[in-house]
Amino acid sequence: MPLSQTGFPSKYLQSDIGRVALCDFLTRTTASILRDKHLDKNVGNSNGGWHSVKGGAFNINAPGQEVLPRTSALINGDETIELRFTVALPAAGRTVLGQQANQILALNLVELVKNTLLYKSLDEKKLARHISCVENQHQLRQQLGANNLIAFVANGSILPRASGASATPMMDSSVVPSQSPPELTVKLTQLDGTVVSGMGIKKGITLLTGGGFHGKSTLLEALQLGVYDHIPDDGRELIVTDPSAVKIRAEDGRCVSGTDISPFISSLPGGKDPKRFSTNDASGSTSMAANIQEALEAGSKCLLIDEDSSATNLLVRDARMQALIKNEPITPYVSKVRALYNQYGVSTVMVVGGLGDWLSVADNVIAMDYYVPRLITPEVEAVLKKFPSEVAQDAQYGSVSQRKVQVRVDGEISPHKASRSHIAIRPAVRNPVHDPSEAQDGINLQFVDQIVEVGQARMLAGTLQRFVKATAEQP
């Protein structure tokens, strides 16, 4: 539809982030209408056999809590706006159901367009609040660097989620809103001029600690998703993180191809070169080393790590184990983290519950005490004096390679069959005998914690398709 016919105020089209927010709102509105009017349901029963009525369902990439640039709604320059979705046309066997198709295309579709692409049909206050919320988050994130911060958590933010299966905020009356300790309180200004107070996490090495179930991992999860803007009332809409931040974890069994893990691994069995490490079945330590190096190659300036999902032998090696095992090829991250910051300016935020050696390398230590953050760096200094321990520090982190990436896949990548946790690959040669014990062909995204919706996985699959095609065309 031409933008001139939609009636959208020009102020919503002046910035890229405003356009993204507008398109996000239209996608959400469309998804809501489809659900409320049951247009996302087939007109018949697809399980009723060949001659049963099938089709009729509308489908759009329904968003979650995050605001992302998507192709479900697009603004083309200053000319037009597009709303993109699919409709399964109805049929029974080989018979086209014309009357149902007329209802879908001539009535339902027209009504959907009227209720989504015309400004006068929308809740104007809700739209204005949505766009303002997104623009304010973007403005806060832009201020992190100038304030020497890698993250900001506004006072009053709601970090816990409704459940492990839901990304919506927990609404229980017992939820404790975030409140910054006085020593870490900073003030940032939103685009609308409102000043927001909250906890600023500075560049460098920050530890999040505290007792079990006190909110350490919940805070880290909020930070890892702070690279995205969030919808109003999410509870995390004023939590922002350096956009290059990457969540790192061990990933047993992952495939690694030509990655330089030499900063952490000095030698490998069979004489393999750690500067070009490849395997189809990485261990916990090698997978985590590869994840760190790949994040640095991609330009990350902040690594987020949780002790619970890490390979312990890559995180730390205490004095007793050093004395016992002399020929250890692994240099732990605790010995590299300071050099990584000094040499490459890469900060680390890490959840620690039982690895006390990390206290020796931290710039700041934040303890979560019944979900309330408290700066305990002075207390840590007293503990270190009482219980001294030497933590070896490497002067140099090591190399971060700049590779020319080539992608070769034995089969066909299928973007439309991607899920949030898996990219499907159709094998080049199909096995005529179905064996359910065989692993599913494809790329496992289960442990890439910052992928939040299926559209991102489809985008990655489409990107890989282009890489494969470009690689095949090279001489």
Protein backbone atom coordinates (compact mmCIF):
# COMPACT_ATOMS: atom_id res chain seq x y z
CA MET A 1 0.00 0.00 0.00
CA PRO A 2 1.33 3.51 -0.77
CA LEU A 3 2.43 5.22 2.44
CA SER A 4 0.41 8.28 1.46
CA GLN A 5 -2.78 6.19 1.76
CA THR A 6 -1.96 4.68 5.17
CA GLY A 7 -2.16 7.93 7.14
CA PHE A 8 0.85 7.13 9.33
CA PRO A 9 2.41 10.31 10.80
CA SER A 10 5.70 11.26 9.17
CA LYS A 11 7.42 11.34 12.60
CA TYR A 12 7.20 7.53 12.70
CA LEU A 13 9.14 7.28 9.45
CA GLN A 14 12.04 9.62 10.18
CA SER A 15 14.47 7.09 11.73
CA ASP A 16 15.40 3.50 10.97
CA ILE A 17 14.58 2.38 14.50
CA GLY A 18 11.19 4.10 14.32
CA ARG A 19 10.40 2.24 11.11
CA VAL A 20 11.45 -1.07 12.66
CA ALA A 21 9.17 -0.37 15.64
CA LEU A 22 6.25 0.54 13.38
CA CYS A 23 6.66 -2.61 11.30
CA ASP A 24 6.97 -4.69 14.46
CA PHE A 25 3.71 -3.23 15.76
CA LEU A 26 1.93 -4.00 12.48
CA THR A 27 3.20 -7.59 12.53
CA ARG A 28 1.96 -8.02 16.11
CA THR A 29 -1.40 -6.47 15.23
CA THR A 30 -1.79 -8.81 12.29
CA ALA A 31 -0.89 -11.87 14.35
CA SER A 32 -3.36 -10.80 17.05
CA ILE A 33 -6.21 -10.31 14.55
CA LEU A 34 -5.54 -13.69 12.95
CA ARG A 35 -5.70 -15.39 16.35
CA ASP A 36 -8.73 -13.46 17.64
CA LYS A 37 -10.78 -14.10 14.49
CA HIS A 38 -9.46 -17.68 14.18
CA LEU A 39 -8.14 -16.91 10.72
CA ASP A 40 -5.02 -18.89 11.61
CA LYS A 41 -7.13 -22.07 11.53
CA ASN A 42 -7.85 -24.25 8.49
CA VAL A 43 -11.43 -24.29 7.20
CA GLY A 44 -11.46 -28.08 7.40
CA ASN A 45 -9.72 -30.96 9.09
CA SER A 46 -6.36 -31.67 7.48
CA ASN A 47 -6.35 -35.10 9.12
CA GLY A 48 -9.57 -36.22 7.49
CA GLY A 49 -8.04 -37.91 4.46
CA TRP A 50 -7.39 -36.98 0.84
CA HIS A 51 -10.94 -35.81 0.04
CA SER A 52 -11.46 -33.79 3.23
CA VAL A 53 -11.48 -29.99 3.22
CA LYS A 54 -8.02 -28.53 3.81
CA GLY A 55 -6.40 -25.09 3.80
CA GLY A 56 -7.68 -21.62 4.50
CA ALA A 57 -5.27 -20.65 7.27
CA PHE A 58 -3.43 -17.33 7.36
CA ASN A 59 0.08 -17.43 8.81
CA ILE A 60 2.57 -14.71 9.77
CA ASN A 61 5.85 -14.75 11.69
CA ALA A 62 4.32 -13.87 15.06
CA PRO A 63 6.85 -12.00 17.26
CA GLY A 64 7.80 -12.76 20.84
CA GLN A 65 8.89 -10.22 23.46
CA GLU A 66 11.71 -8.79 21.33
CA VAL A 67 11.44 -6.11 18.66
CA LEU A 68 13.40 -7.18 15.58
CA PRO A 69 13.66 -6.02 11.98
CA ARG A 70 11.61 -8.56 10.03
CA THR A 71 10.40 -9.10 6.48
CA SER A 72 6.82 -9.70 7.67
CA ALA A 73 6.32 -5.93 7.38
CA LEU A 74 8.56 -3.67 5.31
CA ILE A 75 8.69 0.03 4.49
CA ASN A 76 10.18 0.70 1.07
CA GLY A 77 11.82 4.11 1.13
CA ASP A 78 9.11 6.76 1.29
CA GLU A 79 6.88 5.00 -1.20
CA THR A 80 5.08 1.92 0.12
CA ILE A 81 4.56 -0.40 3.04
CA GLU A 82 4.25 -4.16 2.64
CA LEU A 83 2.59 -6.70 4.90
CA ARG A 84 3.75 -10.25 4.15
CA PHE A 85 2.02 -13.44 5.20
CA THR A 86 0.86 -16.70 3.68
CA VAL A 87 -2.60 -18.08 2.98
CA ALA A 88 -3.26 -21.75 2.32
CA LEU A 89 -5.97 -21.81 -0.36
CA PRO A 90 -8.78 -24.28 0.44
CA ALA A 91 -9.35 -27.50 -1.45
CA ALA A 92 -10.84 -30.94 -1.07
CA GLY A 93 -8.71 -33.49 -2.89
CA ARG A 94 -8.25 -32.03 -6.40
CA THR A 95 -11.31 -29.79 -6.08
CA VAL A 96 -10.81 -26.06 -5.59
CA LEU A 97 -13.26 -24.67 -3.04
CA GLY A 98 -14.20 -21.43 -4.76
CA GLN A 99 -16.72 -20.08 -2.25
CA GLN A 100 -14.30 -20.54 0.65
CA ALA A 101 -11.52 -18.95 -1.42
CA ASN A 102 -13.77 -15.98 -2.13
CA GLN A 103 -14.44 -15.59 1.61
CA ILE A 104 -10.69 -15.71 2.31
CA LEU A 105 -9.41 -13.43 -0.47
CA ALA A 106 -12.30 -11.05 -1.14
CA LEU A 107 -13.54 -10.58 2.43
CA ASN A 108 -11.13 -11.76 5.14
CA LEU A 109 -8.04 -10.44 3.39
CA VAL A 110 -9.57 -7.04 2.68
CA GLU A 111 -10.74 -6.72 6.27
CA LEU A 112 -7.29 -7.68 7.55
CA VAL A 113 -5.62 -5.00 5.43
CA LYS A 114 -8.09 -2.35 6.60
CA ASN A 115 -7.43 -3.20 10.24
CA THR A 116 -3.64 -3.22 9.99
CA LEU A 117 -2.34 -0.85 7.32
CA LEU A 118 -4.64 2.10 7.97
CA TYR A 119 -3.55 4.37 10.81
CA LYS A 120 -7.13 5.33 11.70
CA SER A 121 -7.97 1.66 12.38
CA LEU A 122 -5.17 1.22 14.94
CA ASP A 123 -4.96 2.12 18.62
CA GLU A 124 -3.03 5.38 18.14
CA LYS A 125 -1.94 5.69 21.79
CA LYS A 126 -0.74 2.08 21.91
CA LEU A 127 1.21 2.55 18.66
CA ALA A 128 2.81 5.78 19.92
CA ARG A 129 3.81 4.09 23.18
CA HIS A 130 5.26 1.10 21.32
CA ILE A 131 7.43 3.24 19.05
CA SER A 132 8.52 5.55 21.87
CA CYS A 133 9.49 2.55 24.04
CA VAL A 134 11.68 1.10 21.29
CA GLU A 135 13.29 4.44 20.44
CA ASN A 136 14.07 5.05 24.13
CA GLN A 137 15.79 1.67 24.48
CA HIS A 138 17.84 2.35 21.39
CA GLN A 139 18.87 5.71 22.82
CA LEU A 140 19.91 4.15 26.13
CA ARG A 141 22.03 1.53 24.34
CA GLN A 142 23.74 4.29 22.35
CA GLN A 143 24.91 5.89 25.62
CA LEU A 144 26.67 2.82 27.04
CA GLY A 145 30.05 3.42 25.39
CA ALA A 146 30.30 7.07 26.41
CA ASN A 147 29.61 6.06 30.02
CA ASN A 148 32.22 3.24 29.99
CA LEU A 149 29.43 0.66 30.39
CA ILE A 150 28.66 -2.64 28.76
CA ALA A 151 25.16 -2.92 30.26
CA PHE A 152 22.49 -0.96 32.11
CA VAL A 153 19.60 -2.30 34.21
CA ALA A 154 17.00 0.33 35.02
CA ASN A 155 15.53 0.47 38.51
CA GLY A 156 12.12 -1.17 38.63
CA SER A 157 12.89 -3.69 35.88
CA ILE A 158 11.23 -7.10 36.23
CA LEU A 159 13.80 -9.79 35.42
CA PRO A 160 12.09 -13.15 36.21
CA ARG A 161 9.97 -14.79 33.52
CA ALA A 162 6.58 -16.43 33.99
CA SER A 163 8.08 -19.90 33.55
CA GLY A 164 10.89 -21.76 31.85
CA ALA A 165 8.63 -22.16 28.82
CA SER A 166 7.41 -18.56 28.68
CA ALA A 167 9.26 -15.32 27.95
CA THR A 168 6.51 -13.14 29.40
CA PRO A 169 7.25 -11.37 32.72
CA MET A 170 6.41 -12.99 36.04
CA MET A 171 3.42 -11.14 37.50
CA ASP A 172 3.49 -12.72 40.97
CA SER A 173 3.23 -10.24 43.85
CA SER A 174 6.42 -11.68 45.33
CA VAL A 175 8.55 -10.54 42.39
CA VAL A 176 11.33 -8.18 43.47
CA PRO A 177 11.92 -5.28 41.02
CA SER A 178 15.54 -4.53 40.24
CA GLN A 179 17.19 -1.85 42.36
CA SER A 180 20.76 -0.67 41.77
CA PRO A 181 23.27 -0.58 44.61
CA PRO A 182 24.27 3.05 45.29
CA GLU A 183 27.88 2.50 44.16
CA LEU A 184 26.80 1.34 40.68
CA THR A 185 23.92 3.76 40.10
CA VAL A 186 24.12 5.78 36.91
CA LYS A 187 21.65 8.01 35.10
CA LEU A 188 20.94 7.84 31.38
CA THR A 189 18.61 9.99 29.30
CA GLN A 190 15.93 8.58 27.03
CA LEU A 191 15.08 10.03 23.64
CA ASP A 192 11.99 11.69 25.10
CA GLY A 193 14.19 13.49 27.68
CA THR A 194 13.26 11.30 30.64
CA VAL A 195 16.18 10.55 32.96
CA VAL A 196 16.40 6.89 34.04
CA SER A 197 18.38 5.62 37.03
CA GLY A 198 19.71 2.10 37.27
CA MET A 199 22.66 -0.21 37.68
CA GLY A 200 25.54 0.36 35.29
CA ILE A 201 27.87 -2.57 34.64
CA LYS A 202 31.25 -1.16 33.71
CA LYS A 203 33.65 -2.41 31.09
CA GLY A 204 36.20 -4.88 32.42
CA ILE A 205 35.65 -8.08 34.39
CA THR A 206 32.45 -8.34 36.40
CA LEU A 207 31.38 -11.32 38.51
CA LEU A 208 27.78 -12.06 39.45
CA THR A 209 27.66 -14.21 42.56
CA GLY A 210 25.44 -15.09 45.50
CA GLY A 211 23.60 -18.03 46.95
CA GLY A 212 21.66 -20.57 44.92
CA PHE A 213 18.28 -19.38 43.56
CA HIS A 214 19.02 -15.73 44.36
CA GLY A 215 18.84 -14.45 40.76
CA LYS A 216 22.38 -14.67 39.33
CA SER A 217 21.46 -16.53 36.15
CA THR A 218 18.22 -14.56 35.81
CA LEU A 219 20.24 -11.34 35.68
CA LEU A 220 22.67 -12.81 33.15
CA GLU A 221 19.76 -13.95 30.95
CA ALA A 222 18.34 -10.43 31.03
CA LEU A 223 21.75 -9.09 29.96
CA GLN A 224 22.14 -11.59 27.11
CA LEU A 225 18.76 -10.50 25.71
CA GLY A 226 19.53 -6.83 26.36
CA VAL A 227 21.09 -6.74 22.88
CA TYR A 228 17.46 -6.56 21.64
CA ASP A 229 14.77 -3.97 22.20
CA HIS A 230 11.66 -5.24 24.01
CA ILE A 231 7.97 -4.45 23.88
CA PRO A 232 6.35 -2.20 26.51
CA ASP A 233 5.53 -3.91 29.82
CA ASP A 234 7.97 -6.74 29.18
CA GLY A 235 9.78 -5.79 32.38
CA ARG A 236 13.13 -5.76 30.56
CA GLU A 237 12.41 -2.87 28.21
CA LEU A 238 14.93 -0.66 30.03
CA ILE A 239 17.69 -3.27 30.23
CA VAL A 240 20.24 -2.65 27.50
CA THR A 241 23.51 -4.39 26.69
CA ASP A 242 26.37 -3.73 24.29
CA PRO A 243 24.93 -4.96 20.95
CA SER A 244 28.02 -7.10 20.31
CA ALA A 245 27.62 -9.09 23.56
CA VAL A 246 27.64 -12.88 23.08
CA LYS A 247 26.56 -15.60 25.51
CA ILE A 248 29.28 -18.26 25.70
CA ARG A 249 28.77 -21.83 26.84
CA ALA A 250 30.20 -25.32 26.44
CA GLU A 251 28.55 -27.34 23.68
CA ASP A 252 29.56 -30.98 23.81
CA GLY A 253 29.39 -32.68 20.44
CA ARG A 254 29.29 -29.55 18.27
CA CYS A 255 31.06 -29.40 14.94
CA VAL A 256 34.08 -27.08 14.73
CA SER A 257 35.78 -26.19 11.45
CA GLY A 258 39.22 -24.58 11.15
CA THR A 259 39.00 -22.51 14.34
CA ASP A 260 42.07 -21.16 16.13
CA ILE A 261 41.76 -22.33 19.76
CA SER A 262 45.48 -21.95 20.50
CA PRO A 263 44.98 -19.25 23.19
CA PHE A 264 43.48 -22.01 25.35
CA ILE A 265 44.75 -25.30 23.93
CA SER A 266 48.50 -25.73 23.32
CA SER A 267 48.39 -29.23 21.86
CA LEU A 268 45.85 -31.79 20.70
CA PRO A 269 45.87 -35.59 20.42
CA GLY A 270 47.15 -37.01 17.15
CA GLY A 271 49.23 -33.95 16.40
CA LYS A 272 46.23 -31.84 15.36
CA ASP A 273 46.98 -28.14 14.92
CA PRO A 274 45.11 -26.05 17.57
CA LYS A 275 45.41 -23.04 15.26
CA ARG A 276 43.15 -24.82 12.76
CA PHE A 277 41.04 -27.07 14.94
CA SER A 278 38.36 -29.15 13.24
CA THR A 279 36.15 -31.89 14.66
CA ASN A 280 32.66 -33.31 14.35
CA ASP A 281 32.45 -34.03 18.08
CA ALA A 282 34.02 -31.32 20.23
CA SER A 283 34.51 -31.81 23.97
CA GLY A 284 33.27 -29.36 26.57
CA SER A 285 36.56 -27.48 26.75
CA THR A 286 37.30 -27.39 23.00
CA SER A 287 33.73 -26.40 22.14
CA MET A 288 33.80 -23.55 24.64
CA ALA A 289 37.21 -22.39 23.41
CA ALA A 290 35.86 -22.42 19.85
CA ASN A 291 32.75 -20.47 20.91
CA ILE A 292 34.92 -17.79 22.52
CA GLN A 293 37.20 -17.48 19.52
CA GLU A 294 34.30 -17.36 17.05
CA ALA A 295 32.63 -14.62 19.08
CA LEU A 296 35.87 -12.59 19.02
CA GLU A 297 36.22 -13.15 15.27
CA ALA A 298 32.71 -11.75 14.85
CA GLY A 299 33.73 -8.59 16.72
CA SER A 300 32.22 -9.16 20.17
CA LYS A 301 33.37 -6.75 22.86
CA CYS A 302 31.54 -8.45 25.72
CA LEU A 303 31.36 -12.15 26.65
CA LEU A 304 28.62 -13.41 28.97
CA ILE A 305 29.34 -16.69 30.78
CA ASP A 306 27.49 -18.81 33.33
CA GLU A 307 29.54 -21.23 35.39
CA ASP A 308 26.67 -23.76 35.28
CA SER A 309 26.75 -24.11 31.49
CA SER A 310 30.53 -24.00 31.09
CA ALA A 311 33.39 -26.49 30.92
CA THR A 312 34.98 -26.10 34.35
CA ASN A 313 38.44 -27.11 33.13
CA LEU A 314 38.38 -24.21 30.67
CA LEU A 315 37.31 -21.73 33.34
CA VAL A 316 39.79 -22.42 36.13
CA ARG A 317 42.61 -24.67 37.33
CA ASP A 318 43.42 -24.34 41.01
CA ALA A 319 46.86 -24.66 42.65
CA ARG A 320 46.32 -28.25 43.74
CA MET A 321 45.54 -29.43 40.22
CA GLN A 322 48.47 -27.44 38.86
CA ALA A 323 50.77 -29.23 41.31
CA LEU A 324 49.29 -32.64 40.51
CA ILE A 325 49.06 -32.43 36.68
CA LYS A 326 52.21 -31.02 35.10
CA ASN A 327 51.52 -31.59 31.39
CA GLU A 328 48.17 -29.88 31.08
CA PRO A 329 47.61 -28.50 27.53
CA ILE A 330 44.66 -26.31 28.62
CA THR A 331 45.18 -22.73 29.75
CA PRO A 332 42.01 -21.72 31.63
CA TYR A 333 40.03 -18.60 30.82
CA VAL A 334 40.76 -17.16 34.28
CA SER A 335 44.41 -16.83 33.18
CA LYS A 336 43.42 -15.13 29.91
CA VAL A 337 40.55 -12.86 30.85
CA ARG A 338 42.68 -9.90 31.96
CA ALA A 339 44.91 -10.08 28.88
CA LEU A 340 41.80 -10.32 26.68
CA TYR A 341 40.54 -7.05 28.11
CA ASN A 342 43.90 -5.29 28.01
CA GLN A 343 44.81 -6.48 24.52
CA TYR A 344 41.45 -6.45 22.73
CA GLY A 345 39.15 -4.40 24.98
CA VAL A 346 36.77 -7.34 25.46
CA SER A 347 34.84 -7.33 28.74
CA THR A 348 33.54 -10.38 30.59
CA VAL A 349 30.46 -10.77 32.77
CA MET A 350 30.43 -14.12 34.52
CA VAL A 351 28.14 -15.92 36.95
CA VAL A 352 30.25 -17.60 39.65
CA GLY A 353 28.97 -19.74 42.49
CA GLY A 354 31.85 -22.03 43.41
CA LEU A 355 35.03 -20.95 41.60
CA GLY A 356 36.74 -18.70 44.12
CA ASP A 357 39.89 -18.16 42.03
CA TRP A 358 37.86 -15.84 39.81
CA LEU A 359 37.63 -13.34 42.67
CA SER A 360 41.33 -12.58 42.13
CA VAL A 361 40.80 -11.22 38.60
CA ALA A 362 37.52 -9.30 38.98
CA ASP A 363 37.17 -5.53 38.71
CA ASN A 364 33.74 -5.63 40.33
CA VAL A 365 31.81 -8.35 42.13
CA ILE A 366 28.02 -8.05 42.37
CA ALA A 367 26.24 -10.35 44.81
CA MET A 368 22.58 -11.20 44.26
CA ASP A 369 20.97 -11.33 47.69
CA TYR A 370 17.34 -12.46 47.38
CA TYR A 371 17.21 -10.90 43.88
CA VAL A 372 18.69 -7.60 45.06
CA PRO A 373 22.14 -6.73 43.62
CA ARG A 374 24.81 -5.59 46.07
CA LEU A 375 28.36 -4.48 45.28
CA ILE A 376 30.73 -6.56 47.44
CA THR A 377 34.10 -5.71 45.88
CA PRO A 378 35.49 -4.39 49.23
CA GLU A 379 34.40 -7.59 50.98
CA VAL A 380 36.12 -9.63 48.25
CA GLU A 381 39.39 -7.80 48.91
CA ALA A 382 39.17 -8.78 52.58
CA VAL A 383 38.49 -12.42 51.66
CA LEU A 384 41.47 -12.48 49.28
CA LYS A 385 43.75 -11.27 52.07
CA LYS A 386 42.43 -13.90 54.44
CA PHE A 387 42.53 -16.73 51.90
CA PRO A 388 45.30 -15.82 49.41
CA SER A 389 45.80 -17.84 46.24
CA GLU A 390 47.91 -17.33 43.17
CA VAL A 391 46.12 -17.20 39.84
CA ALA A 392 48.58 -17.26 36.94
CA GLN A 393 47.98 -14.49 34.43
CA ASP A 394 49.17 -14.59 30.82
CA ALA A 395 50.59 -11.30 29.61
CA GLN A 396 49.20 -11.92 26.10
CA TYR A 397 45.83 -13.39 25.24
CA GLY A 398 46.93 -14.91 21.96
CA SER A 399 45.72 -14.66 18.40
CA VAL A 400 42.25 -13.90 17.06
CA SER A 401 42.26 -14.98 13.45
CA GLN A 402 40.46 -13.30 10.58
CA ARG A 403 39.29 -16.14 8.39
CA LYS A 404 37.85 -16.27 4.92
CA VAL A 405 34.81 -18.42 5.58
CA GLN A 406 33.71 -21.09 3.14
CA VAL A 407 30.59 -23.18 3.63
CA ARG A 408 30.22 -26.62 2.08
CA VAL A 409 27.12 -28.66 2.90
CA ASP A 410 26.43 -32.21 1.82
CA GLY A 411 22.77 -31.67 1.03
CA GLU A 412 20.24 -28.88 0.64
CA ILE A 413 19.57 -26.28 3.36
CA SER A 414 15.84 -25.72 3.87
CA PRO A 415 15.01 -22.27 5.35
CA HIS A 416 11.27 -22.93 5.44
CA LYS A 417 11.77 -26.03 7.58
CA ALA A 418 13.91 -24.25 10.13
CA SER A 419 12.79 -24.11 13.74
CA ARG A 420 14.21 -21.86 16.44
CA SER A 421 16.57 -24.64 17.50
CA HIS A 422 17.35 -26.42 14.24
CA ILE A 423 18.18 -25.72 10.58
CA ALA A 424 17.16 -28.66 8.42
CA ILE A 425 19.44 -30.03 5.71
CA ARG A 426 18.04 -32.47 3.18
CA PRO A 427 20.72 -35.11 2.51
CA ALA A 428 22.15 -35.20 -1.00
CA VAL A 429 21.52 -38.94 -1.11
CA ARG A 430 18.48 -40.21 0.74
CA ASN A 431 18.62 -43.44 2.69
CA PRO A 432 15.82 -45.67 1.35
CA VAL A 433 15.53 -47.28 4.78
CA HIS A 434 14.23 -44.97 7.51
CA ASP A 435 16.26 -45.49 10.66
CA PRO A 436 14.88 -43.48 13.63
CA SER A 437 18.15 -44.03 15.50
CA GLU A 438 20.04 -41.88 13.00
CA ALA A 439 20.70 -38.26 13.94
CA GLN A 440 18.55 -35.66 12.21
CA ASP A 441 20.41 -33.96 9.38
CA GLY A 442 20.97 -30.30 10.02
CA ILE A 443 22.52 -27.65 12.27
CA ASN A 444 21.69 -27.65 15.97
CA LEU A 445 20.94 -24.14 17.31
CA GLN A 446 19.70 -25.34 20.69
CA PHE A 447 22.64 -23.87 22.59
CA VAL A 448 22.76 -20.51 20.80
CA ASP A 449 20.94 -18.79 23.64
CA GLN A 450 20.41 -15.43 21.92
CA ILE A 451 18.26 -16.78 19.10
CA VAL A 452 14.75 -15.88 20.24
CA GLU A 453 12.42 -16.71 17.34
CA VAL A 454 12.10 -18.95 14.32
CA GLY A 455 12.49 -16.05 11.87
CA GLN A 456 16.11 -15.63 12.93
CA ALA A 457 16.82 -19.31 12.24
CA ARG A 458 15.23 -18.98 8.81
CA MET A 459 17.37 -15.93 8.12
CA LEU A 460 20.49 -17.88 9.11
CA ALA A 461 19.44 -20.77 6.88
CA GLY A 462 18.89 -18.42 3.96
CA THR A 463 22.27 -16.79 4.56
CA LEU A 464 23.96 -20.21 4.59
CA GLN A 465 22.21 -21.05 1.34
CA ARG A 466 23.81 -18.00 -0.26
CA PHE A 467 27.23 -18.89 1.21
CA VAL A 468 26.97 -22.42 -0.19
CA LYS A 469 26.01 -21.11 -3.62
CA ALA A 470 28.81 -18.52 -3.62
CA THR A 471 31.33 -21.18 -2.56
CA ALA A 472 30.18 -23.54 -5.29
CA GLU A 473 30.62 -20.82 -7.92
CA GLN A 474 34.21 -20.10 -6.90
CA PRO A 475 36.90 -21.66 -9.11
